[in-house]
Amino acid sequence: MTDTMILNDNHKIPTLGLGTWMINNDRVAQVVKDAIELGYRHINTAQAYNNEKGVGVGIKESGITRESLFVTTKIAAEHKNYESATKSIDQSLEALGLDCIDLMIIHSPQPWKEWRETDKHFDQGNL
């Protein structure tokens, strides 16, 4: 579980990650803690999963350093403009209880302009 790939910006992403789709917010914290204990270092969630808060709790309660993890989440598909994407990213940071998200993906991308907001947050060091 320690294999990584190098992204275009030279960040390393673990090749194996824990997907949290369909794990409700009440159970996901324990699932995340168990996965980290087993050696997972990539945690994948999304706003649409309605479990970012629980994922953040699991990360915090695991006791592992934040730098040891790679966290991915996704902007929900209904955010179709810059302002909405801005709010969406801030909501994910707050829900997860993190200062930085390693990878923010647009869920079900369309030719919208959310990517502009991801660039701004990347430049600020939040992504």
C-alpha atoms as a PDB file:
ATOM      1  CA  MET A   1       0.000   0.000   0.000  1.00  0.00           C
ATOM      2  CA  THR A   2       3.011   2.274  -0.147  1.00  0.00           C
ATOM      3  CA  ASP A   3       3.212   2.523  -3.952  1.00  0.00           C
ATOM      4  CA  THR A   4       2.722   6.033  -5.292  1.00  0.00           C
ATOM      5  CA  MET A   5       2.469   7.805  -8.610  1.00  0.00           C
ATOM      6  CA  ILE A   6       3.810  11.271  -9.319  1.00  0.00           C
ATOM      7  CA  LEU A   7       1.279  13.843 -10.495  1.00  0.00           C
ATOM      8  CA  ASN A   8       2.028  16.595 -13.022  1.00  0.00           C
ATOM      9  CA  ASP A   9       2.773  19.025 -10.178  1.00  0.00           C
ATOM     10  CA  ASN A  10       5.272  16.538  -8.653  1.00  0.00           C
ATOM     11  CA  HIS A  11       3.038  15.619  -5.705  1.00  0.00           C
ATOM     12  CA  LYS A  12       2.869  11.915  -4.909  1.00  0.00           C
ATOM     13  CA  ILE A  13      -0.492  10.148  -4.782  1.00  0.00           C
ATOM     14  CA  PRO A  14      -0.855   6.685  -3.266  1.00  0.00           C
ATOM     15  CA  THR A  15      -2.007   4.260  -5.960  1.00  0.00           C
ATOM     16  CA  LEU A  16      -4.472   2.560  -3.622  1.00  0.00           C
ATOM     17  CA  GLY A  17      -7.088   4.587  -1.805  1.00  0.00           C
ATOM     18  CA  LEU A  18     -10.071   4.059   0.440  1.00  0.00           C
ATOM     19  CA  GLY A  19     -13.318   4.985  -1.286  1.00  0.00           C
ATOM     20  CA  THR A  20     -16.047   6.150   1.087  1.00  0.00           C
ATOM     21  CA  TRP A  21     -19.059   6.199  -1.258  1.00  0.00           C
ATOM     22  CA  MET A  22     -22.209   4.818   0.372  1.00  0.00           C
ATOM     23  CA  ILE A  23     -20.678   4.800   3.878  1.00  0.00           C
ATOM     24  CA  ASN A  24     -22.884   7.026   5.985  1.00  0.00           C
ATOM     25  CA  ASN A  25     -21.508   9.787   8.157  1.00  0.00           C
ATOM     26  CA  ASP A  26     -22.215   7.804  11.348  1.00  0.00           C
ATOM     27  CA  ARG A  27     -19.983   4.886  10.308  1.00  0.00           C
ATOM     28  CA  VAL A  28     -17.329   6.426   8.108  1.00  0.00           C
ATOM     29  CA  ALA A  29     -15.060   7.739  10.910  1.00  0.00           C
ATOM     30  CA  GLN A  30     -14.439   4.212  12.190  1.00  0.00           C
ATOM     31  CA  VAL A  31     -13.978   2.889   8.648  1.00  0.00           C
ATOM     32  CA  VAL A  32     -11.369   5.595   7.963  1.00  0.00           C
ATOM     33  CA  LYS A  33      -9.538   4.871  11.234  1.00  0.00           C
ATOM     34  CA  ASP A  34      -9.516   1.136  10.487  1.00  0.00           C
ATOM     35  CA  ALA A  35      -8.246   1.728   6.945  1.00  0.00           C
ATOM     36  CA  ILE A  36      -5.439   3.978   8.181  1.00  0.00           C
ATOM     37  CA  GLU A  37      -4.485   1.349  10.749  1.00  0.00           C
ATOM     38  CA  LEU A  38      -4.328  -1.207   7.921  1.00  0.00           C
ATOM     39  CA  GLY A  39      -1.968   1.049   5.964  1.00  0.00           C
ATOM     40  CA  TYR A  40      -4.192   3.097   3.662  1.00  0.00           C
ATOM     41  CA  ARG A  41      -2.771   6.573   3.079  1.00  0.00           C
ATOM     42  CA  HIS A  42      -5.219   7.848   0.450  1.00  0.00           C
ATOM     43  CA  ILE A  43      -8.759   8.681   1.542  1.00  0.00           C
ATOM     44  CA  ASN A  44     -11.363   9.544  -1.116  1.00  0.00           C
ATOM     45  CA  THR A  45     -14.675  11.235  -0.312  1.00  0.00           C
ATOM     46  CA  ALA A  46     -17.056  13.702  -1.971  1.00  0.00           C
ATOM     47  CA  GLN A  47     -19.599  16.331  -1.042  1.00  0.00           C
ATOM     48  CA  ALA A  48     -22.269  14.203  -2.712  1.00  0.00           C
ATOM     49  CA  TYR A  49     -21.487  11.328  -0.326  1.00  0.00           C
ATOM     50  CA  ASN A  50     -22.568  13.481   2.647  1.00  0.00           C
ATOM     51  CA  ASN A  51     -19.784  12.033   4.776  1.00  0.00           C
ATOM     52  CA  GLU A  52     -16.925  14.546   4.658  1.00  0.00           C
ATOM     53  CA  LYS A  53     -17.402  15.450   8.322  1.00  0.00           C
ATOM     54  CA  GLY A  54     -17.110  11.816   9.406  1.00  0.00           C
ATOM     55  CA  VAL A  55     -14.092  11.307   7.159  1.00  0.00           C
ATOM     56  CA  GLY A  56     -12.426  14.285   8.837  1.00  0.00           C
ATOM     57  CA  VAL A  57     -13.214  12.883  12.286  1.00  0.00           C
ATOM     58  CA  GLY A  58     -11.702   9.541  11.302  1.00  0.00           C
ATOM     59  CA  ILE A  59      -8.551  11.234  10.035  1.00  0.00           C
ATOM     60  CA  LYS A  60      -8.198  13.283  13.221  1.00  0.00           C
ATOM     61  CA  GLU A  61      -8.905  10.368  15.554  1.00  0.00           C
ATOM     62  CA  SER A  62      -6.483   8.070  13.706  1.00  0.00           C
ATOM     63  CA  GLY A  63      -3.554   9.894  15.276  1.00  0.00           C
ATOM     64  CA  ILE A  64      -1.558   9.837  12.044  1.00  0.00           C
ATOM     65  CA  THR A  65       0.069  13.050  10.881  1.00  0.00           C
ATOM     66  CA  ARG A  66      -1.808  14.948   8.205  1.00  0.00           C
ATOM     67  CA  GLU A  67       1.312  14.969   6.041  1.00  0.00           C
ATOM     68  CA  SER A  68       1.182  11.158   5.933  1.00  0.00           C
ATOM     69  CA  LEU A  69      -2.197  11.165   4.177  1.00  0.00           C
ATOM     70  CA  PHE A  70      -3.483  12.107   0.747  1.00  0.00           C
ATOM     71  CA  VAL A  71      -7.078  13.345   0.863  1.00  0.00           C
ATOM     72  CA  THR A  72      -9.292  13.582  -2.213  1.00  0.00           C
ATOM     73  CA  THR A  73     -12.767  15.080  -2.336  1.00  0.00           C
ATOM     74  CA  LYS A  74     -15.027  16.374  -5.061  1.00  0.00           C
ATOM     75  CA  ILE A  75     -17.022  19.514  -5.818  1.00  0.00           C
ATOM     76  CA  ALA A  76     -20.657  18.441  -6.160  1.00  0.00           C
ATOM     77  CA  ALA A  77     -22.037  18.516  -9.706  1.00  0.00           C
ATOM     78  CA  GLU A  78     -24.661  21.164  -8.930  1.00  0.00           C
ATOM     79  CA  HIS A  79     -21.975  23.836  -8.397  1.00  0.00           C
ATOM     80  CA  LYS A  80     -21.870  25.347 -11.869  1.00  0.00           C
ATOM     81  CA  ASN A  81     -20.284  28.748 -11.349  1.00  0.00           C
ATOM     82  CA  TYR A  82     -17.235  30.359  -9.805  1.00  0.00           C
ATOM     83  CA  GLU A  83     -18.950  31.683  -6.678  1.00  0.00           C
ATOM     84  CA  SER A  84     -20.646  28.383  -5.947  1.00  0.00           C
ATOM     85  CA  ALA A  85     -17.372  26.493  -6.447  1.00  0.00           C
ATOM     86  CA  THR A  86     -15.620  28.883  -4.047  1.00  0.00           C
ATOM     87  CA  LYS A  87     -18.208  28.238  -1.362  1.00  0.00           C
ATOM     88  CA  SER A  88     -18.104  24.515  -2.077  1.00  0.00           C
ATOM     89  CA  ILE A  89     -14.340  24.240  -1.556  1.00  0.00           C
ATOM     90  CA  ASP A  90     -14.547  26.214   1.684  1.00  0.00           C
ATOM     91  CA  GLN A  91     -17.378  23.955   2.891  1.00  0.00           C
ATOM     92  CA  SER A  92     -15.315  20.839   2.204  1.00  0.00           C
ATOM     93  CA  LEU A  93     -12.313  22.251   4.058  1.00  0.00           C
ATOM     94  CA  GLU A  94     -14.558  23.042   7.026  1.00  0.00           C
ATOM     95  CA  ALA A  95     -16.433  19.726   6.968  1.00  0.00           C
ATOM     96  CA  LEU A  96     -13.201  17.745   6.784  1.00  0.00           C
ATOM     97  CA  GLY A  97     -11.568  19.913   9.443  1.00  0.00           C
ATOM     98  CA  LEU A  98      -8.513  20.305   7.229  1.00  0.00           C
ATOM     99  CA  ASP A  99      -6.393  23.240   6.108  1.00  0.00           C
ATOM    100  CA  CYS A 100      -5.571  21.573   2.808  1.00  0.00           C
ATOM    101  CA  ILE A 101      -7.184  19.095   0.426  1.00  0.00           C
ATOM    102  CA  ASP A 102      -4.634  17.232  -1.658  1.00  0.00           C
ATOM    103  CA  LEU A 103      -6.861  16.643  -4.678  1.00  0.00           C
ATOM    104  CA  MET A 104     -10.152  18.387  -5.466  1.00  0.00           C
ATOM    105  CA  ILE A 105     -12.051  16.896  -8.391  1.00  0.00           C
ATOM    106  CA  ILE A 106     -15.156  18.273 -10.074  1.00  0.00           C
ATOM    107  CA  HIS A 107     -17.751  15.505  -9.720  1.00  0.00           C
ATOM    108  CA  SER A 108     -19.426  14.880 -13.096  1.00  0.00           C
ATOM    109  CA  PRO A 109     -17.574  17.723 -14.836  1.00  0.00           C
ATOM    110  CA  GLN A 110     -19.273  19.679 -17.572  1.00  0.00           C
ATOM    111  CA  PRO A 111     -17.956  22.714 -19.460  1.00  0.00           C
ATOM    112  CA  TRP A 112     -18.400  24.895 -16.393  1.00  0.00           C
ATOM    113  CA  LYS A 113     -16.007  27.351 -14.795  1.00  0.00           C
ATOM    114  CA  GLU A 114     -15.384  25.728 -11.383  1.00  0.00           C
ATOM    115  CA  TRP A 115     -11.815  24.972 -12.369  1.00  0.00           C
ATOM    116  CA  ARG A 116     -10.980  28.683 -11.995  1.00  0.00           C
ATOM    117  CA  GLU A 117     -11.703  28.415  -8.289  1.00  0.00           C
ATOM    118  CA  THR A 118      -9.595  25.293  -7.898  1.00  0.00           C
ATOM    119  CA  ASP A 119      -6.663  27.182  -9.453  1.00  0.00           C
ATOM    120  CA  LYS A 120      -7.099  30.046  -6.970  1.00  0.00           C
ATOM    121  CA  HIS A 121      -7.192  27.691  -3.992  1.00  0.00           C
ATOM    122  CA  PHE A 122      -4.159  25.823  -5.384  1.00  0.00           C
ATOM    123  CA  ASP A 123      -2.222  29.099  -5.571  1.00  0.00           C
ATOM    124  CA  GLN A 124      -3.227  29.854  -1.958  1.00  0.00           C
ATOM    125  CA  GLY A 125      -1.948  26.449  -0.832  1.00  0.00           C
ATOM    126  CA  ASN A 126      -5.376  25.022   0.113  1.00  0.00           C
ATOM    127  CA  LEU A 127      -5.286  22.343  -2.607  1.00  0.00           C
END
